[in-house]
Amino acid sequence: MDPQQTHAPQPMVPALRALYEPLAPYAYALMRFCVGATIVPHGYTKLFQGAVAPAAGMIAKLGLEPAVAWAYFVGGVEFFGGILLAVGLLTRLAAAMLVVEFAVIVFAVKFAIGFFAFKGGFELELLLGLLCLAICFKGGGRLSVDHAIGKEL
């Protein structure tokens, strides 16, 4: 047994160890996949379902021009970046781009509204942004395309 495992906390219900131990190596990959898969539909609606116009309106209010080009760029970051994050390819780059996007959403768009999502606040965007930041620090992990090809940014 690994010396680090001897000091690991014991499950309150020892029988659950049989569930935890075989699944634990997949936890990070599951989290990374879920974060990416959650972001993809937001980009999809912008790029393929006409939601680029409302996004461009919001971007124009921030003073970024040309707003429509920025809206397509944001849609591409969400759609393609979410896919890259989910599969773990160019993971750190995709995560870093998403961190910047979520920081803008939190601090420039939704901060004045407040925290709680049910009031239109930045709760979800902050969570996704912080998860992307953690993914940026850790990279793709063992179960990623980056790891499979042996290269990572």
N, C-alpha and C. Protein backbone atom coordinates (compact mmCIF):
# COMPACT_ATOMS: atom_id res chain seq x y z
N MET A 1 0.84 -1.18 0.00
CA MET A 1 0.00 0.00 0.00
C MET A 1 0.88 1.24 0.00
N ASP A 2 0.52 2.27 -0.76
CA ASP A 2 1.24 3.52 -0.86
C ASP A 2 1.23 4.24 0.50
N PRO A 3 2.35 4.86 0.91
CA PRO A 3 2.39 5.55 2.20
C PRO A 3 1.35 6.65 2.33
N GLN A 4 0.99 7.30 1.21
CA GLN A 4 -0.03 8.36 1.27
C GLN A 4 -1.40 7.76 1.56
N GLN A 5 -1.65 6.57 1.10
CA GLN A 5 -2.95 5.95 1.32
C GLN A 5 -3.14 5.52 2.76
N THR A 6 -2.07 5.26 3.50
CA THR A 6 -2.21 4.83 4.89
C THR A 6 -2.76 5.94 5.76
N HIS A 7 -2.56 7.20 5.37
CA HIS A 7 -3.04 8.33 6.15
C HIS A 7 -4.32 8.93 5.57
N ALA A 8 -4.86 8.31 4.56
CA ALA A 8 -6.09 8.82 3.95
C ALA A 8 -7.26 8.61 4.91
N PRO A 9 -8.22 9.53 4.92
CA PRO A 9 -9.38 9.35 5.79
C PRO A 9 -10.13 8.07 5.44
N GLN A 10 -10.64 7.45 6.43
CA GLN A 10 -11.40 6.21 6.25
C GLN A 10 -12.86 6.57 5.98
N PRO A 11 -13.53 5.86 5.09
CA PRO A 11 -14.96 6.13 4.86
C PRO A 11 -15.76 5.86 6.13
N MET A 12 -16.76 6.69 6.38
CA MET A 12 -17.63 6.48 7.54
C MET A 12 -18.38 5.17 7.41
N VAL A 13 -18.68 4.80 6.17
CA VAL A 13 -19.32 3.52 5.90
C VAL A 13 -18.27 2.70 5.15
N PRO A 14 -17.54 1.83 5.85
CA PRO A 14 -16.44 1.10 5.21
C PRO A 14 -16.83 0.33 3.96
N ALA A 15 -18.05 -0.12 3.86
CA ALA A 15 -18.48 -0.88 2.69
C ALA A 15 -18.43 -0.02 1.41
N LEU A 16 -18.48 1.32 1.58
CA LEU A 16 -18.45 2.19 0.41
C LEU A 16 -17.08 2.25 -0.24
N ARG A 17 -16.04 1.81 0.45
CA ARG A 17 -14.70 1.79 -0.13
C ARG A 17 -14.70 0.99 -1.44
N ALA A 18 -15.48 -0.06 -1.51
CA ALA A 18 -15.55 -0.88 -2.72
C ALA A 18 -16.10 -0.09 -3.90
N LEU A 19 -16.88 0.94 -3.63
CA LEU A 19 -17.40 1.80 -4.68
C LEU A 19 -16.41 2.92 -5.00
N TYR A 20 -15.86 3.55 -3.96
CA TYR A 20 -15.00 4.71 -4.14
C TYR A 20 -13.68 4.38 -4.86
N GLU A 21 -13.01 3.35 -4.41
CA GLU A 21 -11.67 3.07 -4.91
C GLU A 21 -11.60 2.82 -6.42
N PRO A 22 -12.49 2.01 -7.00
CA PRO A 22 -12.37 1.81 -8.45
C PRO A 22 -12.82 3.02 -9.27
N LEU A 23 -13.67 3.88 -8.71
CA LEU A 23 -14.19 5.02 -9.47
C LEU A 23 -13.36 6.29 -9.29
N ALA A 24 -12.59 6.39 -8.23
CA ALA A 24 -11.83 7.60 -7.94
C ALA A 24 -10.93 8.04 -9.09
N PRO A 25 -10.25 7.15 -9.79
CA PRO A 25 -9.38 7.62 -10.89
C PRO A 25 -10.12 8.33 -12.02
N TYR A 26 -11.42 8.15 -12.09
CA TYR A 26 -12.21 8.75 -13.17
C TYR A 26 -12.87 10.07 -12.76
N ALA A 27 -12.74 10.48 -11.50
CA ALA A 27 -13.45 11.64 -10.99
C ALA A 27 -13.04 12.93 -11.71
N TYR A 28 -11.76 13.16 -11.87
CA TYR A 28 -11.31 14.39 -12.52
C TYR A 28 -11.75 14.45 -13.98
N ALA A 29 -11.61 13.33 -14.69
CA ALA A 29 -12.04 13.30 -16.09
C ALA A 29 -13.54 13.55 -16.21
N LEU A 30 -14.31 13.01 -15.27
CA LEU A 30 -15.76 13.24 -15.27
C LEU A 30 -16.06 14.72 -15.05
N MET A 31 -15.38 15.33 -14.10
CA MET A 31 -15.59 16.75 -13.84
C MET A 31 -15.22 17.58 -15.06
N ARG A 32 -14.05 17.31 -15.66
CA ARG A 32 -13.61 18.05 -16.84
C ARG A 32 -14.60 17.89 -17.99
N PHE A 33 -15.07 16.65 -18.19
CA PHE A 33 -16.04 16.40 -19.26
C PHE A 33 -17.35 17.17 -19.01
N CYS A 34 -17.84 17.12 -17.79
CA CYS A 34 -19.12 17.78 -17.47
C CYS A 34 -19.03 19.29 -17.63
N VAL A 35 -17.91 19.88 -17.23
CA VAL A 35 -17.74 21.32 -17.40
C VAL A 35 -17.77 21.66 -18.89
N GLY A 36 -16.99 20.94 -19.69
CA GLY A 36 -16.98 21.20 -21.13
C GLY A 36 -18.34 20.97 -21.77
N ALA A 37 -18.99 19.88 -21.41
CA ALA A 37 -20.30 19.56 -21.99
C ALA A 37 -21.36 20.57 -21.58
N THR A 38 -21.21 21.19 -20.43
CA THR A 38 -22.16 22.22 -20.00
C THR A 38 -21.99 23.50 -20.82
N ILE A 39 -20.78 23.78 -21.24
CA ILE A 39 -20.49 25.02 -21.96
C ILE A 39 -20.85 24.91 -23.45
N VAL A 40 -20.69 23.75 -24.04
CA VAL A 40 -20.90 23.56 -25.49
C VAL A 40 -22.25 24.08 -25.98
N PRO A 41 -23.38 23.78 -25.33
CA PRO A 41 -24.66 24.24 -25.86
C PRO A 41 -24.80 25.76 -25.94
N HIS A 42 -24.09 26.49 -25.08
CA HIS A 42 -24.15 27.95 -25.13
C HIS A 42 -23.51 28.46 -26.42
N GLY A 43 -22.40 27.87 -26.81
CA GLY A 43 -21.77 28.23 -28.07
C GLY A 43 -22.57 27.76 -29.26
N TYR A 44 -23.17 26.57 -29.14
CA TYR A 44 -23.97 26.02 -30.24
C TYR A 44 -25.12 26.96 -30.59
N THR A 45 -25.83 27.46 -29.56
CA THR A 45 -26.96 28.36 -29.85
C THR A 45 -26.49 29.64 -30.51
N LYS A 46 -25.33 30.14 -30.12
CA LYS A 46 -24.82 31.36 -30.75
C LYS A 46 -24.43 31.11 -32.21
N LEU A 47 -23.73 30.02 -32.45
CA LEU A 47 -23.20 29.77 -33.79
C LEU A 47 -24.24 29.23 -34.77
N PHE A 48 -25.16 28.40 -34.28
CA PHE A 48 -26.02 27.65 -35.21
C PHE A 48 -27.52 27.87 -35.02
N GLN A 49 -27.91 28.61 -34.00
CA GLN A 49 -29.34 28.80 -33.76
C GLN A 49 -29.74 30.27 -33.63
N GLY A 50 -28.93 31.16 -34.13
CA GLY A 50 -29.30 32.57 -34.20
C GLY A 50 -29.18 33.37 -32.92
N ALA A 51 -28.53 32.86 -31.90
CA ALA A 51 -28.39 33.61 -30.65
C ALA A 51 -27.20 34.55 -30.67
N VAL A 52 -26.57 34.72 -31.83
CA VAL A 52 -25.43 35.62 -31.92
C VAL A 52 -25.89 37.08 -31.81
N ALA A 53 -27.07 37.40 -32.30
CA ALA A 53 -27.55 38.79 -32.26
C ALA A 53 -27.75 39.28 -30.81
N PRO A 54 -28.43 38.53 -29.94
CA PRO A 54 -28.53 39.00 -28.56
C PRO A 54 -27.17 39.09 -27.87
N ALA A 55 -26.28 38.16 -28.18
CA ALA A 55 -24.93 38.21 -27.60
C ALA A 55 -24.20 39.45 -28.09
N ALA A 56 -24.34 39.78 -29.37
CA ALA A 56 -23.70 40.98 -29.93
C ALA A 56 -24.23 42.23 -29.27
N GLY A 57 -25.52 42.24 -28.95
CA GLY A 57 -26.09 43.40 -28.25
C GLY A 57 -25.45 43.60 -26.89
N MET A 58 -25.26 42.52 -26.17
CA MET A 58 -24.63 42.60 -24.85
C MET A 58 -23.17 43.01 -24.98
N ILE A 59 -22.49 42.49 -25.99
CA ILE A 59 -21.08 42.82 -26.20
C ILE A 59 -20.93 44.29 -26.60
N ALA A 60 -21.86 44.79 -27.40
CA ALA A 60 -21.82 46.21 -27.79
C ALA A 60 -21.97 47.11 -26.56
N LYS A 61 -22.79 46.70 -25.60
CA LYS A 61 -22.95 47.48 -24.37
C LYS A 61 -21.65 47.55 -23.58
N LEU A 62 -20.79 46.57 -23.75
CA LEU A 62 -19.48 46.58 -23.09
C LEU A 62 -18.49 47.46 -23.83
N GLY A 63 -18.87 47.95 -25.01
CA GLY A 63 -17.99 48.81 -25.79
C GLY A 63 -17.03 48.07 -26.70
N LEU A 64 -17.25 46.79 -26.89
CA LEU A 64 -16.38 46.01 -27.76
C LEU A 64 -16.96 45.99 -29.17
N GLU A 65 -16.18 46.45 -30.12
CA GLU A 65 -16.61 46.48 -31.51
C GLU A 65 -15.56 45.81 -32.38
N PRO A 66 -15.92 45.17 -33.46
CA PRO A 66 -17.28 44.93 -33.95
C PRO A 66 -17.97 43.85 -33.12
N ALA A 67 -19.09 44.18 -32.57
CA ALA A 67 -19.79 43.33 -31.62
C ALA A 67 -20.20 41.99 -32.22
N VAL A 68 -20.62 41.98 -33.46
CA VAL A 68 -21.05 40.71 -34.08
C VAL A 68 -19.86 39.76 -34.23
N ALA A 69 -18.72 40.29 -34.62
CA ALA A 69 -17.52 39.45 -34.73
C ALA A 69 -17.13 38.90 -33.36
N TRP A 70 -17.19 39.74 -32.33
CA TRP A 70 -16.89 39.28 -30.97
C TRP A 70 -17.88 38.22 -30.53
N ALA A 71 -19.15 38.37 -30.91
CA ALA A 71 -20.17 37.38 -30.52
C ALA A 71 -19.88 36.03 -31.17
N TYR A 72 -19.47 36.05 -32.42
CA TYR A 72 -19.09 34.79 -33.08
C TYR A 72 -17.85 34.19 -32.42
N PHE A 73 -16.89 35.04 -32.06
CA PHE A 73 -15.69 34.57 -31.39
C PHE A 73 -16.05 33.91 -30.05
N VAL A 74 -16.90 34.56 -29.28
CA VAL A 74 -17.34 34.01 -27.99
C VAL A 74 -18.07 32.69 -28.21
N GLY A 75 -18.95 32.65 -29.22
CA GLY A 75 -19.64 31.40 -29.54
C GLY A 75 -18.66 30.29 -29.90
N GLY A 76 -17.62 30.64 -30.65
CA GLY A 76 -16.59 29.65 -31.00
C GLY A 76 -15.81 29.17 -29.80
N VAL A 77 -15.47 30.10 -28.90
CA VAL A 77 -14.76 29.72 -27.67
C VAL A 77 -15.62 28.76 -26.85
N GLU A 78 -16.90 29.07 -26.73
CA GLU A 78 -17.80 28.21 -25.95
C GLU A 78 -17.99 26.86 -26.62
N PHE A 79 -18.28 26.85 -27.91
CA PHE A 79 -18.57 25.59 -28.60
C PHE A 79 -17.32 24.73 -28.74
N PHE A 80 -16.30 25.28 -29.39
CA PHE A 80 -15.09 24.48 -29.63
C PHE A 80 -14.26 24.31 -28.36
N GLY A 81 -14.18 25.36 -27.56
CA GLY A 81 -13.47 25.25 -26.29
C GLY A 81 -14.10 24.25 -25.35
N GLY A 82 -15.43 24.22 -25.32
CA GLY A 82 -16.13 23.23 -24.50
C GLY A 82 -15.86 21.81 -24.96
N ILE A 83 -15.84 21.61 -26.27
CA ILE A 83 -15.53 20.27 -26.82
C ILE A 83 -14.10 19.89 -26.46
N LEU A 84 -13.16 20.81 -26.67
CA LEU A 84 -11.76 20.53 -26.34
C LEU A 84 -11.59 20.21 -24.86
N LEU A 85 -12.28 20.94 -24.01
CA LEU A 85 -12.22 20.68 -22.58
C LEU A 85 -12.79 19.30 -22.26
N ALA A 86 -13.91 18.98 -22.86
CA ALA A 86 -14.57 17.70 -22.57
C ALA A 86 -13.69 16.50 -22.92
N VAL A 87 -12.99 16.58 -24.05
CA VAL A 87 -12.16 15.45 -24.46
C VAL A 87 -10.72 15.56 -23.96
N GLY A 88 -10.35 16.75 -23.46
CA GLY A 88 -9.01 16.93 -22.93
C GLY A 88 -7.95 17.13 -24.00
N LEU A 89 -8.28 17.90 -25.03
CA LEU A 89 -7.32 18.23 -26.09
C LEU A 89 -7.05 19.73 -26.03
N LEU A 90 -5.78 20.12 -26.02
CA LEU A 90 -5.42 21.53 -25.82
C LEU A 90 -6.15 22.08 -24.59
N THR A 91 -6.17 21.27 -23.56
CA THR A 91 -7.00 21.52 -22.38
C THR A 91 -6.68 22.85 -21.72
N ARG A 92 -5.41 23.11 -21.49
CA ARG A 92 -5.04 24.34 -20.78
C ARG A 92 -5.40 25.59 -21.59
N LEU A 93 -5.21 25.55 -22.90
CA LEU A 93 -5.55 26.68 -23.75
C LEU A 93 -7.06 26.93 -23.72
N ALA A 94 -7.83 25.87 -23.92
CA ALA A 94 -9.29 26.01 -23.91
C ALA A 94 -9.77 26.53 -22.56
N ALA A 95 -9.23 25.96 -21.49
CA ALA A 95 -9.65 26.39 -20.15
C ALA A 95 -9.28 27.85 -19.91
N ALA A 96 -8.09 28.26 -20.32
CA ALA A 96 -7.67 29.65 -20.12
C ALA A 96 -8.58 30.62 -20.87
N MET A 97 -8.93 30.28 -22.10
CA MET A 97 -9.82 31.14 -22.87
C MET A 97 -11.19 31.24 -22.20
N LEU A 98 -11.67 30.14 -21.67
CA LEU A 98 -12.96 30.15 -20.99
C LEU A 98 -12.89 30.91 -19.67
N VAL A 99 -11.76 30.85 -18.98
CA VAL A 99 -11.59 31.64 -17.75
C VAL A 99 -11.74 33.13 -18.06
N VAL A 100 -11.10 33.58 -19.12
CA VAL A 100 -11.20 35.00 -19.51
C VAL A 100 -12.65 35.34 -19.82
N GLU A 101 -13.31 34.50 -20.59
CA GLU A 101 -14.71 34.77 -20.93
C GLU A 101 -15.58 34.84 -19.68
N PHE A 102 -15.44 33.88 -18.79
CA PHE A 102 -16.27 33.88 -17.58
C PHE A 102 -15.94 35.04 -16.66
N ALA A 103 -14.68 35.46 -16.63
CA ALA A 103 -14.32 36.63 -15.82
C ALA A 103 -15.02 37.88 -16.35
N VAL A 104 -15.07 38.03 -17.67
CA VAL A 104 -15.77 39.17 -18.27
C VAL A 104 -17.26 39.09 -17.94
N ILE A 105 -17.85 37.92 -18.07
CA ILE A 105 -19.28 37.77 -17.77
C ILE A 105 -19.55 38.11 -16.31
N VAL A 106 -18.74 37.58 -15.41
CA VAL A 106 -18.97 37.81 -13.97
C VAL A 106 -18.79 39.28 -13.62
N PHE A 107 -17.64 39.86 -13.98
CA PHE A 107 -17.30 41.18 -13.48
C PHE A 107 -17.83 42.34 -14.32
N ALA A 108 -17.98 42.15 -15.63
CA ALA A 108 -18.44 43.26 -16.47
C ALA A 108 -19.92 43.20 -16.79
N VAL A 109 -20.51 42.01 -16.76
CA VAL A 109 -21.91 41.88 -17.17
C VAL A 109 -22.84 41.66 -15.99
N LYS A 110 -22.53 40.73 -15.12
CA LYS A 110 -23.50 40.30 -14.11
C LYS A 110 -23.20 40.71 -12.68
N PHE A 111 -22.04 41.28 -12.41
CA PHE A 111 -21.66 41.57 -11.02
C PHE A 111 -22.66 42.49 -10.33
N ALA A 112 -23.15 43.50 -11.03
CA ALA A 112 -24.10 44.45 -10.43
C ALA A 112 -25.44 43.81 -10.10
N ILE A 113 -25.77 42.72 -10.78
CA ILE A 113 -27.04 42.03 -10.53
C ILE A 113 -27.00 41.28 -9.21
N GLY A 114 -25.84 40.76 -8.86
CA GLY A 114 -25.69 40.01 -7.62
C GLY A 114 -25.31 38.57 -7.89
N PHE A 115 -25.17 37.83 -6.81
CA PHE A 115 -24.64 36.47 -6.87
C PHE A 115 -25.63 35.43 -7.38
N PHE A 116 -26.85 35.42 -6.88
CA PHE A 116 -27.75 34.29 -7.07
C PHE A 116 -28.29 34.17 -8.50
N ALA A 117 -28.14 32.96 -9.06
CA ALA A 117 -28.56 32.70 -10.43
C ALA A 117 -30.06 32.88 -10.62
N PHE A 118 -30.85 32.55 -9.61
CA PHE A 118 -32.30 32.66 -9.77
C PHE A 118 -32.73 34.12 -9.88
N LYS A 119 -31.84 35.07 -9.57
CA LYS A 119 -32.11 36.49 -9.75
C LYS A 119 -31.35 37.05 -10.96
N GLY A 120 -30.78 36.17 -11.79
CA GLY A 120 -30.02 36.59 -12.96
C GLY A 120 -28.56 36.88 -12.65
N GLY A 121 -28.09 36.45 -11.49
CA GLY A 121 -26.74 36.75 -11.06
C GLY A 121 -25.67 35.85 -11.66
N PHE A 122 -24.47 35.99 -11.12
CA PHE A 122 -23.28 35.38 -11.71
C PHE A 122 -22.89 34.04 -11.10
N GLU A 123 -23.72 33.44 -10.33
CA GLU A 123 -23.41 32.21 -9.61
C GLU A 123 -22.86 31.11 -10.52
N LEU A 124 -23.57 30.77 -11.58
CA LEU A 124 -23.15 29.69 -12.48
C LEU A 124 -21.87 30.06 -13.22
N GLU A 125 -21.79 31.28 -13.70
CA GLU A 125 -20.61 31.70 -14.45
C GLU A 125 -19.36 31.71 -13.56
N LEU A 126 -19.52 32.11 -12.29
CA LEU A 126 -18.39 32.08 -11.37
C LEU A 126 -17.94 30.64 -11.13
N LEU A 127 -18.89 29.74 -10.91
CA LEU A 127 -18.55 28.34 -10.69
C LEU A 127 -17.83 27.75 -11.91
N LEU A 128 -18.38 27.95 -13.09
CA LEU A 128 -17.75 27.42 -14.30
C LEU A 128 -16.38 28.05 -14.53
N GLY A 129 -16.26 29.34 -14.28
CA GLY A 129 -14.97 30.00 -14.44
C GLY A 129 -13.92 29.47 -13.49
N LEU A 130 -14.30 29.24 -12.23
CA LEU A 130 -13.34 28.70 -11.26
C LEU A 130 -12.98 27.25 -11.58
N LEU A 131 -13.94 26.48 -12.05
CA LEU A 131 -13.63 25.12 -12.48
C LEU A 131 -12.67 25.13 -13.67
N CYS A 132 -12.91 26.03 -14.61
CA CYS A 132 -11.99 26.15 -15.75
C CYS A 132 -10.61 26.59 -15.30
N LEU A 133 -10.53 27.46 -14.30
CA LEU A 133 -9.24 27.87 -13.76
C LEU A 133 -8.50 26.68 -13.15
N ALA A 134 -9.22 25.86 -12.39
CA ALA A 134 -8.60 24.66 -11.81
C ALA A 134 -8.14 23.70 -12.91
N ILE A 135 -8.94 23.55 -13.94
CA ILE A 135 -8.57 22.68 -15.07
C ILE A 135 -7.34 23.25 -15.78
N CYS A 136 -7.28 24.57 -15.90
CA CYS A 136 -6.12 25.22 -16.52
C CYS A 136 -4.85 24.89 -15.74
N PHE A 137 -4.93 24.90 -14.43
CA PHE A 137 -3.76 24.59 -13.60
C PHE A 137 -3.37 23.12 -13.72
N LYS A 138 -4.35 22.22 -13.72
CA LYS A 138 -4.05 20.79 -13.69
C LYS A 138 -3.79 20.21 -15.08
N GLY A 139 -4.43 20.76 -16.10
CA GLY A 139 -4.30 20.21 -17.44
C GLY A 139 -5.33 19.13 -17.68
N GLY A 140 -5.11 18.36 -18.72
CA GLY A 140 -6.08 17.36 -19.14
C GLY A 140 -6.21 16.19 -18.19
N GLY A 141 -5.15 15.84 -17.52
CA GLY A 141 -5.20 14.69 -16.63
C GLY A 141 -4.92 13.39 -17.37
N ARG A 142 -4.95 12.32 -16.60
CA ARG A 142 -4.57 11.00 -17.12
C ARG A 142 -5.52 10.51 -18.22
N LEU A 143 -6.80 10.82 -18.12
CA LEU A 143 -7.78 10.35 -19.11
C LEU A 143 -8.14 11.50 -20.06
N SER A 144 -7.18 11.89 -20.89
CA SER A 144 -7.40 12.97 -21.83
C SER A 144 -6.65 12.68 -23.13
N VAL A 145 -7.03 13.37 -24.17
CA VAL A 145 -6.32 13.24 -25.44
C VAL A 145 -4.90 13.79 -25.28
N ASP A 146 -4.77 14.89 -24.53
CA ASP A 146 -3.42 15.43 -24.28
C ASP A 146 -2.50 14.36 -23.72
N HIS A 147 -2.96 13.62 -22.74
CA HIS A 147 -2.15 12.58 -22.12
C HIS A 147 -1.88 11.45 -23.11
N ALA A 148 -2.90 11.09 -23.89
CA ALA A 148 -2.75 9.99 -24.84
C ALA A 148 -1.70 10.29 -25.91
N ILE A 149 -1.62 11.55 -26.35
CA ILE A 149 -0.62 11.89 -27.36
C ILE A 149 0.72 12.29 -26.74
N GLY A 150 0.73 12.46 -25.42
CA GLY A 150 1.97 12.76 -24.72
C GLY A 150 2.44 14.19 -24.86
N LYS A 151 1.55 15.09 -25.23
CA LYS A 151 1.88 16.51 -25.38
C LYS A 151 0.82 17.34 -24.69
N GLU A 152 1.30 18.44 -24.07
CA GLU A 152 0.36 19.32 -23.38
C GLU A 152 0.95 20.73 -23.38
N LEU A 153 0.09 21.71 -23.47
CA LEU A 153 0.57 23.10 -23.41
C LEU A 153 0.98 23.46 -22.00
